[in-house]
Amino acid sequence: MIRAAVVLGALCLALAPQSRAAGDAANGERLHESCLSCHGTGIYLPPKRKIKTLAALRKETARWGDYYNPKFTRAEIDDLVAYLNRDFYKFP
């Protein structure tokens, strides 16, 4: 499950060309509740953190967003990435 979150984050990054997280972090925090059914927030922090860039975070987030039913929309993925980056990753 931890691996799923990492992959979801990276996929989100790959889908968006911008270098910073665009989206509504507050909505992303709400959406993130569904992620917590499989994993906690420990995967976002060292030593378990595997995501090294904002692009990787977006790519993995989008990839794992495809596993939900219904799938996360691109806007929801942007929101999730904004939340994860604001509260955990803090990429520029």
PDB file of N, CA and C in Angstrom:
ATOM      1  N   MET A   1       0.809  -1.193   0.000  1.00  0.00           N
ATOM      2  CA  MET A   1       0.000   0.000   0.000  1.00  0.00           C
ATOM      3  C   MET A   1       0.856   1.263   0.000  1.00  0.00           C
ATOM      4  N   ILE A   2       1.952   1.219   0.679  1.00  0.00           N
ATOM      5  CA  ILE A   2       2.851   2.369   0.702  1.00  0.00           C
ATOM      6  C   ILE A   2       3.365   2.643  -0.701  1.00  0.00           C
ATOM      7  N   ARG A   3       3.701   1.581  -1.361  1.00  0.00           N
ATOM      8  CA  ARG A   3       4.205   1.709  -2.730  1.00  0.00           C
ATOM      9  C   ARG A   3       3.148   2.342  -3.629  1.00  0.00           C
ATOM     10  N   ALA A   4       1.889   2.049  -3.363  1.00  0.00           N
ATOM     11  CA  ALA A   4       0.792   2.599  -4.151  1.00  0.00           C
ATOM     12  C   ALA A   4       0.752   4.120  -4.038  1.00  0.00           C
ATOM     13  N   ALA A   5       0.929   4.645  -2.859  1.00  0.00           N
ATOM     14  CA  ALA A   5       0.902   6.091  -2.673  1.00  0.00           C
ATOM     15  C   ALA A   5       2.063   6.772  -3.371  1.00  0.00           C
ATOM     16  N   VAL A   6       3.208   6.142  -3.309  1.00  0.00           N
ATOM     17  CA  VAL A   6       4.388   6.708  -3.961  1.00  0.00           C
ATOM     18  C   VAL A   6       4.175   6.763  -5.470  1.00  0.00           C
ATOM     19  N   VAL A   7       3.640   5.696  -5.991  1.00  0.00           N
ATOM     20  CA  VAL A   7       3.390   5.628  -7.425  1.00  0.00           C
ATOM     21  C   VAL A   7       2.326   6.644  -7.818  1.00  0.00           C
ATOM     22  N   LEU A   8       1.294   6.784  -7.010  1.00  0.00           N
ATOM     23  CA  LEU A   8       0.229   7.753  -7.284  1.00  0.00           C
ATOM     24  C   LEU A   8       0.793   9.173  -7.345  1.00  0.00           C
ATOM     25  N   GLY A   9       1.659   9.512  -6.431  1.00  0.00           N
ATOM     26  CA  GLY A   9       2.270  10.837  -6.420  1.00  0.00           C
ATOM     27  C   GLY A   9       3.099  11.112  -7.654  1.00  0.00           C
ATOM     28  N   ALA A  10       3.869  10.164  -8.063  1.00  0.00           N
ATOM     29  CA  ALA A  10       4.736  10.352  -9.233  1.00  0.00           C
ATOM     30  C   ALA A  10       3.933  10.504 -10.513  1.00  0.00           C
ATOM     31  N   LEU A  11       2.851   9.776 -10.622  1.00  0.00           N
ATOM     32  CA  LEU A  11       2.025   9.869 -11.821  1.00  0.00           C
ATOM     33  C   LEU A  11       1.398  11.250 -11.944  1.00  0.00           C
ATOM     34  N   CYS A  12       0.987  11.810 -10.846  1.00  0.00           N
ATOM     35  CA  CYS A  12       0.430  13.167 -10.872  1.00  0.00           C
ATOM     36  C   CYS A  12       1.441  14.156 -11.433  1.00  0.00           C
ATOM     37  N   LEU A  13       2.648  14.015 -11.043  1.00  0.00           N
ATOM     38  CA  LEU A  13       3.682  14.929 -11.503  1.00  0.00           C
ATOM     39  C   LEU A  13       3.923  14.818 -13.000  1.00  0.00           C
ATOM     40  N   ALA A  14       3.840  13.630 -13.512  1.00  0.00           N
ATOM     41  CA  ALA A  14       4.103  13.424 -14.942  1.00  0.00           C
ATOM     42  C   ALA A  14       3.018  14.046 -15.811  1.00  0.00           C
ATOM     43  N   LEU A  15       1.816  14.153 -15.282  1.00  0.00           N
ATOM     44  CA  LEU A  15       0.711  14.673 -16.074  1.00  0.00           C
ATOM     45  C   LEU A  15       0.689  16.187 -16.177  1.00  0.00           C
ATOM     46  N   ALA A  16       1.390  16.848 -15.317  1.00  0.00           N
ATOM     47  CA  ALA A  16       1.357  18.309 -15.319  1.00  0.00           C
ATOM     48  C   ALA A  16       2.725  18.877 -15.678  1.00  0.00           C
ATOM     49  N   PRO A  17       2.785  19.715 -16.680  1.00  0.00           N
ATOM     50  CA  PRO A  17       4.064  20.267 -17.096  1.00  0.00           C
ATOM     51  C   PRO A  17       4.592  21.376 -16.195  1.00  0.00           C
ATOM     52  N   GLN A  18       3.738  21.988 -15.400  1.00  0.00           N
ATOM     53  CA  GLN A  18       4.204  23.093 -14.575  1.00  0.00           C
ATOM     54  C   GLN A  18       5.149  22.601 -13.496  1.00  0.00           C
ATOM     55  N   SER A  19       6.036  23.475 -13.057  1.00  0.00           N
ATOM     56  CA  SER A  19       7.065  23.083 -12.111  1.00  0.00           C
ATOM     57  C   SER A  19       6.618  23.194 -10.664  1.00  0.00           C
ATOM     58  N   ARG A  20       5.475  23.760 -10.412  1.00  0.00           N
ATOM     59  CA  ARG A  20       4.990  23.825  -9.039  1.00  0.00           C
ATOM     60  C   ARG A  20       3.595  23.232  -8.955  1.00  0.00           C
ATOM     61  N   ALA A  21       3.217  22.840  -7.784  1.00  0.00           N
ATOM     62  CA  ALA A  21       1.931  22.187  -7.605  1.00  0.00           C
ATOM     63  C   ALA A  21       0.808  23.205  -7.729  1.00  0.00           C
ATOM     64  N   ALA A  22      -0.021  23.017  -8.737  1.00  0.00           N
ATOM     65  CA  ALA A  22      -1.207  23.846  -8.900  1.00  0.00           C
ATOM     66  C   ALA A  22      -2.376  23.029  -8.395  1.00  0.00           C
ATOM     67  N   GLY A  23      -3.262  23.651  -7.696  1.00  0.00           N
ATOM     68  CA  GLY A  23      -4.413  22.923  -7.188  1.00  0.00           C
ATOM     69  C   GLY A  23      -4.840  23.474  -5.849  1.00  0.00           C
ATOM     70  N   ASP A  24      -5.920  22.934  -5.359  1.00  0.00           N
ATOM     71  CA  ASP A  24      -6.515  23.341  -4.098  1.00  0.00           C
ATOM     72  C   ASP A  24      -6.070  22.364  -3.007  1.00  0.00           C
ATOM     73  N   ALA A  25      -5.103  22.784  -2.219  1.00  0.00           N
ATOM     74  CA  ALA A  25      -4.546  21.904  -1.194  1.00  0.00           C
ATOM     75  C   ALA A  25      -5.597  21.494  -0.167  1.00  0.00           C
ATOM     76  N   ALA A  26      -6.529  22.376   0.149  1.00  0.00           N
ATOM     77  CA  ALA A  26      -7.576  22.039   1.126  1.00  0.00           C
ATOM     78  C   ALA A  26      -8.456  20.908   0.590  1.00  0.00           C
ATOM     79  N   ASN A  27      -8.812  20.983  -0.687  1.00  0.00           N
ATOM     80  CA  ASN A  27      -9.593  19.898  -1.283  1.00  0.00           C
ATOM     81  C   ASN A  27      -8.748  18.634  -1.380  1.00  0.00           C
ATOM     82  N   GLY A  28      -7.459  18.786  -1.688  1.00  0.00           N
ATOM     83  CA  GLY A  28      -6.565  17.643  -1.733  1.00  0.00           C
ATOM     84  C   GLY A  28      -6.481  16.929  -0.394  1.00  0.00           C
ATOM     85  N   GLU A  29      -6.499  17.697   0.679  1.00  0.00           N
ATOM     86  CA  GLU A  29      -6.475  17.102   2.018  1.00  0.00           C
ATOM     87  C   GLU A  29      -7.729  16.266   2.243  1.00  0.00           C
ATOM     88  N   ARG A  30      -8.866  16.767   1.794  1.00  0.00           N
ATOM     89  CA  ARG A  30     -10.126  16.023   1.920  1.00  0.00           C
ATOM     90  C   ARG A  30     -10.064  14.740   1.089  1.00  0.00           C
ATOM     91  N   LEU A  31      -9.595  14.855  -0.150  1.00  0.00           N
ATOM     92  CA  LEU A  31      -9.493  13.692  -1.033  1.00  0.00           C
ATOM     93  C   LEU A  31      -8.512  12.655  -0.486  1.00  0.00           C
ATOM     94  N   HIS A  32      -7.489  13.134   0.197  1.00  0.00           N
ATOM     95  CA  HIS A  32      -6.445  12.257   0.731  1.00  0.00           C
ATOM     96  C   HIS A  32      -6.991  11.257   1.736  1.00  0.00           C
ATOM     97  N   GLU A  33      -8.130  11.530   2.320  1.00  0.00           N
ATOM     98  CA  GLU A  33      -8.730  10.600   3.274  1.00  0.00           C
ATOM     99  C   GLU A  33      -8.912   9.219   2.642  1.00  0.00           C
ATOM    100  N   SER A  34      -9.240   9.169   1.347  1.00  0.00           N
ATOM    101  CA  SER A  34      -9.413   7.874   0.687  1.00  0.00           C
ATOM    102  C   SER A  34      -8.078   7.140   0.572  1.00  0.00           C
ATOM    103  N   CYS A  35      -6.979   7.872   0.468  1.00  0.00           N
ATOM    104  CA  CYS A  35      -5.654   7.255   0.398  1.00  0.00           C
ATOM    105  C   CYS A  35      -5.294   6.577   1.723  1.00  0.00           C
ATOM    106  N   LEU A  36      -5.772   7.167   2.810  1.00  0.00           N
ATOM    107  CA  LEU A  36      -5.433   6.662   4.133  1.00  0.00           C
ATOM    108  C   LEU A  36      -6.092   5.322   4.437  1.00  0.00           C
ATOM    109  N   SER A  37      -7.046   4.895   3.604  1.00  0.00           N
ATOM    110  CA  SER A  37      -7.640   3.578   3.815  1.00  0.00           C
ATOM    111  C   SER A  37      -6.624   2.477   3.501  1.00  0.00           C
ATOM    112  N   CYS A  38      -5.582   2.801   2.736  1.00  0.00           N
ATOM    113  CA  CYS A  38      -4.548   1.821   2.369  1.00  0.00           C
ATOM    114  C   CYS A  38      -3.202   2.075   3.036  1.00  0.00           C
ATOM    115  N   HIS A  39      -2.873   3.318   3.326  1.00  0.00           N
ATOM    116  CA  HIS A  39      -1.563   3.624   3.895  1.00  0.00           C
ATOM    117  C   HIS A  39      -1.637   4.889   4.737  1.00  0.00           C
ATOM    118  N   GLY A  40      -0.697   5.023   5.640  1.00  0.00           N
ATOM    119  CA  GLY A  40      -0.605   6.217   6.460  1.00  0.00           C
ATOM    120  C   GLY A  40       0.290   7.258   5.805  1.00  0.00           C
ATOM    121  N   THR A  41       0.580   8.308   6.531  1.00  0.00           N
ATOM    122  CA  THR A  41       1.402   9.389   5.987  1.00  0.00           C
ATOM    123  C   THR A  41       2.902   9.125   6.120  1.00  0.00           C
ATOM    124  N   GLY A  42       3.282   8.059   6.791  1.00  0.00           N
ATOM    125  CA  GLY A  42       4.694   7.745   6.984  1.00  0.00           C
ATOM    126  C   GLY A  42       5.457   7.531   5.693  1.00  0.00           C
ATOM    127  N   ILE A  43       4.755   7.164   4.621  1.00  0.00           N
ATOM    128  CA  ILE A  43       5.437   6.934   3.341  1.00  0.00           C
ATOM    129  C   ILE A  43       5.931   8.227   2.717  1.00  0.00           C
ATOM    130  N   TYR A  44       5.437   9.357   3.189  1.00  0.00           N
ATOM    131  CA  TYR A  44       5.847  10.646   2.633  1.00  0.00           C
ATOM    132  C   TYR A  44       7.088  11.208   3.321  1.00  0.00           C
ATOM    133  N   LEU A  45       7.506  10.565   4.389  1.00  0.00           N
ATOM    134  CA  LEU A  45       8.586  11.088   5.215  1.00  0.00           C
ATOM    135  C   LEU A  45       9.808  10.174   5.162  1.00  0.00           C
ATOM    136  N   PRO A  46      10.995  10.750   5.345  1.00  0.00           N
ATOM    137  CA  PRO A  46      12.187   9.907   5.418  1.00  0.00           C
ATOM    138  C   PRO A  46      12.040   8.944   6.601  1.00  0.00           C
ATOM    139  N   PRO A  47      12.515   7.754   6.548  1.00  0.00           N
ATOM    140  CA  PRO A  47      13.329   7.147   5.504  1.00  0.00           C
ATOM    141  C   PRO A  47      12.524   6.442   4.409  1.00  0.00           C
ATOM    142  N   LYS A  48      11.197   6.397   4.537  1.00  0.00           N
ATOM    143  CA  LYS A  48      10.386   5.665   3.555  1.00  0.00           C
ATOM    144  C   LYS A  48      10.120   6.450   2.277  1.00  0.00           C
ATOM    145  N   ARG A  49      10.357   7.737   2.289  1.00  0.00           N
ATOM    146  CA  ARG A  49      10.084   8.579   1.128  1.00  0.00           C
ATOM    147  C   ARG A  49      10.936   8.154  -0.064  1.00  0.00           C
ATOM    148  N   LYS A  50      10.255   7.954  -1.196  1.00  0.00           N
ATOM    149  CA  LYS A  50      10.965   7.594  -2.427  1.00  0.00           C
ATOM    150  C   LYS A  50      10.845   8.676  -3.491  1.00  0.00           C
ATOM    151  N   ILE A  51       9.905   9.568  -3.342  1.00  0.00           N
ATOM    152  CA  ILE A  51       9.673  10.641  -4.311  1.00  0.00           C
ATOM    153  C   ILE A  51      10.742  11.715  -4.114  1.00  0.00           C
ATOM    154  N   LYS A  52      11.409  12.091  -5.201  1.00  0.00           N
ATOM    155  CA  LYS A  52      12.511  13.051  -5.110  1.00  0.00           C
ATOM    156  C   LYS A  52      12.228  14.382  -5.800  1.00  0.00           C
ATOM    157  N   THR A  53      11.172  14.451  -6.619  1.00  0.00           N
ATOM    158  CA  THR A  53      10.862  15.684  -7.348  1.00  0.00           C
ATOM    159  C   THR A  53       9.360  15.894  -7.401  1.00  0.00           C
ATOM    160  N   LEU A  54       8.971  17.125  -7.688  1.00  0.00           N
ATOM    161  CA  LEU A  54       7.553  17.428  -7.850  1.00  0.00           C
ATOM    162  C   LEU A  54       6.973  16.651  -9.036  1.00  0.00           C
ATOM    163  N   ALA A  55       7.752  16.509 -10.091  1.00  0.00           N
ATOM    164  CA  ALA A  55       7.287  15.748 -11.260  1.00  0.00           C
ATOM    165  C   ALA A  55       7.030  14.289 -10.891  1.00  0.00           C
ATOM    166  N   ALA A  56       7.892  13.715 -10.073  1.00  0.00           N
ATOM    167  CA  ALA A  56       7.703  12.333  -9.635  1.00  0.00           C
ATOM    168  C   ALA A  56       6.471  12.207  -8.738  1.00  0.00           C
ATOM    169  N   LEU A  57       6.244  13.207  -7.897  1.00  0.00           N
ATOM    170  CA  LEU A  57       5.071  13.206  -7.035  1.00  0.00           C
ATOM    171  C   LEU A  57       3.797  13.216  -7.878  1.00  0.00           C
ATOM    172  N   ARG A  58       3.754  14.073  -8.874  1.00  0.00           N
ATOM    173  CA  ARG A  58       2.584  14.151  -9.752  1.00  0.00           C
ATOM    174  C   ARG A  58       2.372  12.841 -10.507  1.00  0.00           C
ATOM    175  N   LYS A  59       3.441  12.266 -11.013  1.00  0.00           N
ATOM    176  CA  LYS A  59       3.344  11.022 -11.783  1.00  0.00           C
ATOM    177  C   LYS A  59       2.779   9.890 -10.932  1.00  0.00           C
ATOM    178  N   GLU A  60       3.316   9.719  -9.739  1.00  0.00           N
ATOM    179  CA  GLU A  60       2.849   8.635  -8.871  1.00  0.00           C
ATOM    180  C   GLU A  60       1.422   8.869  -8.376  1.00  0.00           C
ATOM    181  N   THR A  61       1.085  10.100  -8.057  1.00  0.00           N
ATOM    182  CA  THR A  61      -0.267  10.397  -7.597  1.00  0.00           C
ATOM    183  C   THR A  61      -1.278  10.087  -8.691  1.00  0.00           C
ATOM    184  N   ALA A  62      -0.992  10.467  -9.902  1.00  0.00           N
ATOM    185  CA  ALA A  62      -1.894  10.186 -11.019  1.00  0.00           C
ATOM    186  C   ALA A  62      -1.985   8.685 -11.281  1.00  0.00           C
ATOM    187  N   ARG A  63      -0.873   7.999 -11.198  1.00  0.00           N
ATOM    188  CA  ARG A  63      -0.889   6.551 -11.448  1.00  0.00           C
ATOM    189  C   ARG A  63      -1.787   5.837 -10.454  1.00  0.00           C
ATOM    190  N   TRP A  64      -1.646   6.168  -9.195  1.00  0.00           N
ATOM    191  CA  TRP A  64      -2.469   5.508  -8.192  1.00  0.00           C
ATOM    192  C   TRP A  64      -3.895   6.020  -8.203  1.00  0.00           C
ATOM    193  N   GLY A  65      -4.105   7.217  -8.722  1.00  0.00           N
ATOM    194  CA  GLY A  65      -5.468   7.737  -8.853  1.00  0.00           C
ATOM    195  C   GLY A  65      -6.317   6.925  -9.803  1.00  0.00           C
ATOM    196  N   ASP A  66      -5.686   6.191 -10.682  1.00  0.00           N
ATOM    197  CA  ASP A  66      -6.411   5.331 -11.610  1.00  0.00           C
ATOM    198  C   ASP A  66      -7.010   4.103 -10.929  1.00  0.00           C
ATOM    199  N   TYR A  67      -6.574   3.794  -9.720  1.00  0.00           N
ATOM    200  CA  TYR A  67      -7.068   2.608  -9.029  1.00  0.00           C
ATOM    201  C   TYR A  67      -8.379   2.852  -8.287  1.00  0.00           C
ATOM    202  N   TYR A  68      -8.742   4.092  -8.103  1.00  0.00           N
ATOM    203  CA  TYR A  68      -9.977   4.391  -7.382  1.00  0.00           C
ATOM    204  C   TYR A  68     -11.159   4.311  -8.333  1.00  0.00           C
ATOM    205  N   ASN A  69     -12.330   4.035  -7.785  1.00  0.00           N
ATOM    206  CA  ASN A  69     -13.536   3.964  -8.590  1.00  0.00           C
ATOM    207  C   ASN A  69     -14.568   4.881  -7.955  1.00  0.00           C
ATOM    208  N   PRO A  70     -14.888   6.002  -8.565  1.00  0.00           N
ATOM    209  CA  PRO A  70     -14.376   6.423  -9.869  1.00  0.00           C
ATOM    210  C   PRO A  70     -12.950   6.955  -9.752  1.00  0.00           C
ATOM    211  N   LYS A  71     -12.259   6.962 -10.873  1.00  0.00           N
ATOM    212  CA  LYS A  71     -10.883   7.449 -10.908  1.00  0.00           C
ATOM    213  C   LYS A  71     -10.841   8.922 -10.534  1.00  0.00           C
ATOM    214  N   PHE A  72      -9.717   9.345  -9.942  1.00  0.00           N
ATOM    215  CA  PHE A  72      -9.542  10.766  -9.665  1.00  0.00           C
ATOM    216  C   PHE A  72      -9.443  11.519 -10.985  1.00  0.00           C
ATOM    217  N   THR A  73     -10.070  12.676 -11.032  1.00  0.00           N
ATOM    218  CA  THR A  73      -9.965  13.535 -12.214  1.00  0.00           C
ATOM    219  C   THR A  73      -8.605  14.234 -12.188  1.00  0.00           C
ATOM    220  N   ARG A  74      -8.254  14.858 -13.284  1.00  0.00           N
ATOM    221  CA  ARG A  74      -6.977  15.604 -13.327  1.00  0.00           C
ATOM    222  C   ARG A  74      -6.982  16.731 -12.293  1.00  0.00           C
ATOM    223  N   ALA A  75      -8.116  17.399 -12.126  1.00  0.00           N
ATOM    224  CA  ALA A  75      -8.213  18.470 -11.127  1.00  0.00           C
ATOM    225  C   ALA A  75      -8.034  17.915  -9.718  1.00  0.00           C
ATOM    226  N   GLU A  76      -8.611  16.752  -9.445  1.00  0.00           N
ATOM    227  CA  GLU A  76      -8.448  16.143  -8.125  1.00  0.00           C
ATOM    228  C   GLU A  76      -6.993  15.732  -7.893  1.00  0.00           C
ATOM    229  N   ILE A  77      -6.343  15.249  -8.924  1.00  0.00           N
ATOM    230  CA  ILE A  77      -4.928  14.895  -8.802  1.00  0.00           C
ATOM    231  C   ILE A  77      -4.102  16.143  -8.516  1.00  0.00           C
ATOM    232  N   ASP A  78      -4.421  17.250  -9.209  1.00  0.00           N
ATOM    233  CA  ASP A  78      -3.730  18.510  -8.934  1.00  0.00           C
ATOM    234  C   ASP A  78      -3.920  18.908  -7.468  1.00  0.00           C
ATOM    235  N   ASP A  79      -5.141  18.722  -6.959  1.00  0.00           N
ATOM    236  CA  ASP A  79      -5.436  19.058  -5.566  1.00  0.00           C
ATOM    237  C   ASP A  79      -4.643  18.168  -4.607  1.00  0.00           C
ATOM    238  N   LEU A  80      -4.604  16.878  -4.898  1.00  0.00           N
ATOM    239  CA  LEU A  80      -3.834  15.950  -4.055  1.00  0.00           C
ATOM    240  C   LEU A  80      -2.351  16.311  -4.040  1.00  0.00           C
ATOM    241  N   VAL A  81      -1.810  16.613  -5.207  1.00  0.00           N
ATOM    242  CA  VAL A  81      -0.394  16.980  -5.287  1.00  0.00           C
ATOM    243  C   VAL A  81      -0.138  18.268  -4.511  1.00  0.00           C
ATOM    244  N   ALA A  82      -1.038  19.236  -4.637  1.00  0.00           N
ATOM    245  CA  ALA A  82      -0.883  20.492  -3.896  1.00  0.00           C
ATOM    246  C   ALA A  82      -0.865  20.227  -2.393  1.00  0.00           C
ATOM    247  N   TYR A  83      -1.748  19.373  -1.928  1.00  0.00           N
ATOM    248  CA  TYR A  83      -1.793  19.037  -0.505  1.00  0.00           C
ATOM    249  C   TYR A  83      -0.528  18.302  -0.063  1.00  0.00           C
ATOM    250  N   LEU A  84      -0.173  17.249  -0.800  1.00  0.00           N
ATOM    251  CA  LEU A  84       1.007  16.462  -0.419  1.00  0.00           C
ATOM    252  C   LEU A  84       2.275  17.314  -0.429  1.00  0.00           C
ATOM    253  N   ASN A  85       2.384  18.177  -1.409  1.00  0.00           N
ATOM    254  CA  ASN A  85       3.568  19.029  -1.476  1.00  0.00           C
ATOM    255  C   ASN A  85       3.572  20.064  -0.351  1.00  0.00           C
ATOM    256  N   ARG A  86       2.418  20.637  -0.073  1.00  0.00           N
ATOM    257  CA  ARG A  86       2.330  21.653   0.987  1.00  0.00           C
ATOM    258  C   ARG A  86       2.670  21.058   2.351  1.00  0.00           C
ATOM    259  N   ASP A  87       2.127  19.883   2.649  1.00  0.00           N
ATOM    260  CA  ASP A  87       2.243  19.342   4.000  1.00  0.00           C
ATOM    261  C   ASP A  87       3.402  18.369   4.213  1.00  0.00           C
ATOM    262  N   PHE A  88       3.927  17.784   3.133  1.00  0.00           N
ATOM    263  CA  PHE A  88       4.945  16.754   3.310  1.00  0.00           C
ATOM    264  C   PHE A  88       6.225  16.990   2.501  1.00  0.00           C
ATOM    265  N   TYR A  89       6.091  17.193   1.215  1.00  0.00           N
ATOM    266  CA  TYR A  89       7.272  17.208   0.347  1.00  0.00           C
ATOM    267  C   TYR A  89       7.978  18.563   0.280  1.00  0.00           C
ATOM    268  N   LYS A  90       7.196  19.616   0.145  1.00  0.00           N
ATOM    269  CA  LYS A  90       7.722  20.992   0.130  1.00  0.00           C
ATOM    270  C   LYS A  90       8.725  21.238  -1.004  1.00  0.00           C
ATOM    271  N   PHE A  91       8.429  20.674  -2.195  1.00  0.00           N
ATOM    272  CA  PHE A  91       9.243  20.958  -3.371  1.00  0.00           C
ATOM    273  C   PHE A  91       8.985  22.387  -3.822  1.00  0.00           C
ATOM    274  N   PRO A  92      10.002  23.050  -4.403  1.00  0.00           N
ATOM    275  CA  PRO A  92       9.790  24.432  -4.888  1.00  0.00           C
ATOM    276  C   PRO A  92       8.851  24.466  -6.094  1.00  0.00           C
TER     277      PRO A  92
END
